[in-house]
Amino acid sequence: MSRKGFSRNQRLEGEIRSVLAETLLQDVKDPRLEGVIVSTVRLNRDGTLATIFFSLIGDSEKERQAADGFAAASPFLRRTLGRRMRIRILPSLEFARDESFEYGAKLDRLFDKLHSEGVIPPTEEDPGAES
């Protein structure tokens, strides 16, 4: 039952992400984790550590609260993974904020500025591109 092109770790990462996302929505009642989304999971090579990347809308205070909420919920989340996934090695969980959305928005703003200053010409996909 393997999917072509996906390694075992990639499949496990996807399953862990799904289980944690569902558990956060349905079973975790900690207000510090409201609105937090599990965006990506990365397993180390031997599967003993899973880094859970999360995104949220808010400032550094909201991020700190989410980190505290994950620290408190981590044992419950790990037990839930163990019950739902039945994997031989149950990874330890580490949580980190996914900053890729903010980084992408920053790059978009930078390109918009460079386009408006004429440093680089607009591309064909740009709405303001000259035909």
C-alpha atoms as a PDB file:
ATOM      1  CA  MET A   1       0.000   0.000   0.000  1.00  0.00           C
ATOM      2  CA  SER A   2       2.779   2.401  -0.857  1.00  0.00           C
ATOM      3  CA  ARG A   3       2.290   5.461  -2.980  1.00  0.00           C
ATOM      4  CA  LYS A   4       4.814   5.881  -5.752  1.00  0.00           C
ATOM      5  CA  GLY A   5       7.175   8.775  -5.299  1.00  0.00           C
ATOM      6  CA  PHE A   6       6.661   9.118  -1.560  1.00  0.00           C
ATOM      7  CA  SER A   7       9.139   7.900   1.018  1.00  0.00           C
ATOM      8  CA  ARG A   8       8.013   6.277   4.239  1.00  0.00           C
ATOM      9  CA  ASN A   9       8.905   9.437   6.168  1.00  0.00           C
ATOM     10  CA  GLN A  10       6.865  11.612   3.790  1.00  0.00           C
ATOM     11  CA  ARG A  11       3.830   9.388   4.279  1.00  0.00           C
ATOM     12  CA  LEU A  12       4.294   9.463   8.058  1.00  0.00           C
ATOM     13  CA  GLU A  13       4.698  13.251   8.003  1.00  0.00           C
ATOM     14  CA  GLY A  14       1.391  13.593   6.176  1.00  0.00           C
ATOM     15  CA  GLU A  15      -0.382  11.205   8.545  1.00  0.00           C
ATOM     16  CA  ILE A  16       1.037  12.948  11.625  1.00  0.00           C
ATOM     17  CA  ARG A  17      -0.047  16.322  10.228  1.00  0.00           C
ATOM     18  CA  SER A  18      -3.585  15.030   9.605  1.00  0.00           C
ATOM     19  CA  VAL A  19      -3.948  13.448  13.047  1.00  0.00           C
ATOM     20  CA  LEU A  20      -2.593  16.521  14.847  1.00  0.00           C
ATOM     21  CA  ALA A  21      -4.734  18.940  12.821  1.00  0.00           C
ATOM     22  CA  GLU A  22      -7.866  16.914  13.550  1.00  0.00           C
ATOM     23  CA  THR A  23      -6.958  16.531  17.228  1.00  0.00           C
ATOM     24  CA  LEU A  24      -6.344  20.268  17.624  1.00  0.00           C
ATOM     25  CA  LEU A  25      -9.735  21.046  16.083  1.00  0.00           C
ATOM     26  CA  GLN A  26     -11.772  18.443  17.917  1.00  0.00           C
ATOM     27  CA  ASP A  27     -10.092  17.439  21.170  1.00  0.00           C
ATOM     28  CA  VAL A  28      -7.776  20.186  22.422  1.00  0.00           C
ATOM     29  CA  LYS A  29      -9.672  22.824  24.376  1.00  0.00           C
ATOM     30  CA  ASP A  30      -6.710  25.069  25.273  1.00  0.00           C
ATOM     31  CA  PRO A  31      -7.611  28.656  24.243  1.00  0.00           C
ATOM     32  CA  ARG A  32      -3.921  29.360  23.551  1.00  0.00           C
ATOM     33  CA  LEU A  33      -4.170  26.998  20.569  1.00  0.00           C
ATOM     34  CA  GLU A  34      -7.329  28.445  19.027  1.00  0.00           C
ATOM     35  CA  GLY A  35      -6.742  29.437  15.425  1.00  0.00           C
ATOM     36  CA  VAL A  36      -3.427  27.589  15.220  1.00  0.00           C
ATOM     37  CA  ILE A  37      -2.937  25.558  12.046  1.00  0.00           C
ATOM     38  CA  VAL A  38      -0.494  22.688  11.592  1.00  0.00           C
ATOM     39  CA  SER A  39       1.123  23.550   8.270  1.00  0.00           C
ATOM     40  CA  THR A  40       3.995  21.064   7.930  1.00  0.00           C
ATOM     41  CA  VAL A  41       5.573  18.145   9.748  1.00  0.00           C
ATOM     42  CA  ARG A  42       9.206  17.125   9.306  1.00  0.00           C
ATOM     43  CA  LEU A  43      10.579  13.853  10.659  1.00  0.00           C
ATOM     44  CA  ASN A  44      14.269  13.341  11.221  1.00  0.00           C
ATOM     45  CA  ARG A  45      15.860  10.414   9.376  1.00  0.00           C
ATOM     46  CA  ASP A  46      15.346   7.804  12.066  1.00  0.00           C
ATOM     47  CA  GLY A  47      11.798   8.941  12.875  1.00  0.00           C
ATOM     48  CA  THR A  48      12.502   9.754  16.518  1.00  0.00           C
ATOM     49  CA  LEU A  49      11.769  13.488  16.303  1.00  0.00           C
ATOM     50  CA  ALA A  50       8.926  15.257  14.526  1.00  0.00           C
ATOM     51  CA  THR A  51       9.121  19.017  14.130  1.00  0.00           C
ATOM     52  CA  ILE A  52       5.609  20.384  13.868  1.00  0.00           C
ATOM     53  CA  PHE A  53       5.436  23.718  12.048  1.00  0.00           C
ATOM     54  CA  PHE A  54       2.382  25.791  12.866  1.00  0.00           C
ATOM     55  CA  SER A  55       1.008  29.051  11.591  1.00  0.00           C
ATOM     56  CA  LEU A  56      -1.212  31.582  13.278  1.00  0.00           C
ATOM     57  CA  ILE A  57      -2.442  35.098  12.884  1.00  0.00           C
ATOM     58  CA  GLY A  58      -1.101  37.285  15.624  1.00  0.00           C
ATOM     59  CA  ASP A  59       1.883  38.941  17.167  1.00  0.00           C
ATOM     60  CA  SER A  60       4.796  37.620  19.206  1.00  0.00           C
ATOM     61  CA  GLU A  61       2.572  37.412  22.302  1.00  0.00           C
ATOM     62  CA  LYS A  62       0.139  35.108  20.483  1.00  0.00           C
ATOM     63  CA  GLU A  63       3.116  33.052  19.275  1.00  0.00           C
ATOM     64  CA  ARG A  64       4.425  32.740  22.860  1.00  0.00           C
ATOM     65  CA  GLN A  65       0.992  31.677  24.071  1.00  0.00           C
ATOM     66  CA  ALA A  66       0.761  29.073  21.309  1.00  0.00           C
ATOM     67  CA  ALA A  67       4.212  27.735  22.237  1.00  0.00           C
ATOM     68  CA  ASP A  68       3.068  27.447  25.874  1.00  0.00           C
ATOM     69  CA  GLY A  69      -0.142  25.741  24.744  1.00  0.00           C
ATOM     70  CA  PHE A  70       1.802  23.219  22.669  1.00  0.00           C
ATOM     71  CA  ALA A  71       4.151  22.536  25.589  1.00  0.00           C
ATOM     72  CA  ALA A  72       1.146  21.766  27.796  1.00  0.00           C
ATOM     73  CA  ALA A  73      -0.651  19.693  25.129  1.00  0.00           C
ATOM     74  CA  SER A  74       2.406  17.825  23.850  1.00  0.00           C
ATOM     75  CA  PRO A  75       2.002  14.677  26.017  1.00  0.00           C
ATOM     76  CA  PHE A  76      -1.681  14.410  25.039  1.00  0.00           C
ATOM     77  CA  LEU A  77      -0.892  14.957  21.350  1.00  0.00           C
ATOM     78  CA  ARG A  78       1.871  12.331  21.448  1.00  0.00           C
ATOM     79  CA  ARG A  79      -0.408   9.773  23.149  1.00  0.00           C
ATOM     80  CA  THR A  80      -3.097  10.477  20.553  1.00  0.00           C
ATOM     81  CA  LEU A  81      -0.576   9.881  17.765  1.00  0.00           C
ATOM     82  CA  GLY A  82       0.422   6.600  19.394  1.00  0.00           C
ATOM     83  CA  ARG A  83      -3.170   5.394  19.625  1.00  0.00           C
ATOM     84  CA  ARG A  84      -4.257   6.512  16.161  1.00  0.00           C
ATOM     85  CA  MET A  85      -1.191   5.639  14.093  1.00  0.00           C
ATOM     86  CA  ARG A  86       0.158   2.434  15.657  1.00  0.00           C
ATOM     87  CA  ILE A  87       3.725   3.061  14.541  1.00  0.00           C
ATOM     88  CA  ARG A  88       6.750   1.243  15.896  1.00  0.00           C
ATOM     89  CA  ILE A  89       8.706   4.382  16.781  1.00  0.00           C
ATOM     90  CA  LEU A  90       6.627   7.175  18.265  1.00  0.00           C
ATOM     91  CA  PRO A  91       8.528  10.413  17.656  1.00  0.00           C
ATOM     92  CA  SER A  92       9.080  13.124  20.217  1.00  0.00           C
ATOM     93  CA  LEU A  93       7.307  16.321  19.232  1.00  0.00           C
ATOM     94  CA  GLU A  94       8.933  19.696  18.770  1.00  0.00           C
ATOM     95  CA  PHE A  95       6.929  22.784  17.759  1.00  0.00           C
ATOM     96  CA  ALA A  96       8.066  25.749  15.672  1.00  0.00           C
ATOM     97  CA  ARG A  97       6.283  28.638  13.998  1.00  0.00           C
ATOM     98  CA  ASP A  98       6.083  28.364  10.220  1.00  0.00           C
ATOM     99  CA  GLU A  99       7.301  31.704   8.932  1.00  0.00           C
ATOM    100  CA  SER A 100       7.057  30.855   5.236  1.00  0.00           C
ATOM    101  CA  PHE A 101       3.788  32.796   4.801  1.00  0.00           C
ATOM    102  CA  GLU A 102       5.291  35.973   6.240  1.00  0.00           C
ATOM    103  CA  TYR A 103       8.442  35.444   4.162  1.00  0.00           C
ATOM    104  CA  GLY A 104       6.393  35.051   0.964  1.00  0.00           C
ATOM    105  CA  ALA A 105       4.403  38.206   1.721  1.00  0.00           C
ATOM    106  CA  LYS A 106       7.646  40.086   2.347  1.00  0.00           C
ATOM    107  CA  LEU A 107       9.026  38.937  -1.010  1.00  0.00           C
ATOM    108  CA  ASP A 108       5.804  40.005  -2.751  1.00  0.00           C
ATOM    109  CA  ARG A 109       6.079  43.489  -1.227  1.00  0.00           C
ATOM    110  CA  LEU A 110       9.737  43.706  -2.281  1.00  0.00           C
ATOM    111  CA  PHE A 111       8.958  42.728  -5.888  1.00  0.00           C
ATOM    112  CA  ASP A 112       6.055  45.192  -5.993  1.00  0.00           C
ATOM    113  CA  LYS A 113       8.404  47.951  -4.823  1.00  0.00           C
ATOM    114  CA  LEU A 114      11.050  47.018  -7.404  1.00  0.00           C
ATOM    115  CA  HIS A 115       8.379  46.955 -10.158  1.00  0.00           C
ATOM    116  CA  SER A 116       6.982  50.346  -9.143  1.00  0.00           C
ATOM    117  CA  GLU A 117      10.464  51.891  -9.083  1.00  0.00           C
ATOM    118  CA  GLY A 118      11.227  50.482 -12.532  1.00  0.00           C
ATOM    119  CA  VAL A 119      14.204  48.489 -11.270  1.00  0.00           C
ATOM    120  CA  ILE A 120      12.778  45.337 -12.828  1.00  0.00           C
ATOM    121  CA  PRO A 121      10.149  45.206 -15.532  1.00  0.00           C
ATOM    122  CA  PRO A 122       6.722  43.712 -14.708  1.00  0.00           C
ATOM    123  CA  THR A 123       6.162  40.143 -15.821  1.00  0.00           C
ATOM    124  CA  GLU A 124       3.354  39.058 -18.147  1.00  0.00           C
ATOM    125  CA  GLU A 125       1.411  37.606 -15.190  1.00  0.00           C
ATOM    126  CA  ASP A 126       1.367  40.952 -13.366  1.00  0.00           C
ATOM    127  CA  PRO A 127      -2.002  42.725 -13.621  1.00  0.00           C
ATOM    128  CA  GLY A 128      -0.243  46.027 -14.320  1.00  0.00           C
ATOM    129  CA  ALA A 129       2.057  44.575 -16.974  1.00  0.00           C
ATOM    130  CA  GLU A 130       2.344  46.407 -20.247  1.00  0.00           C
ATOM    131  CA  SER A 131       1.242  44.423 -23.310  1.00  0.00           C
END
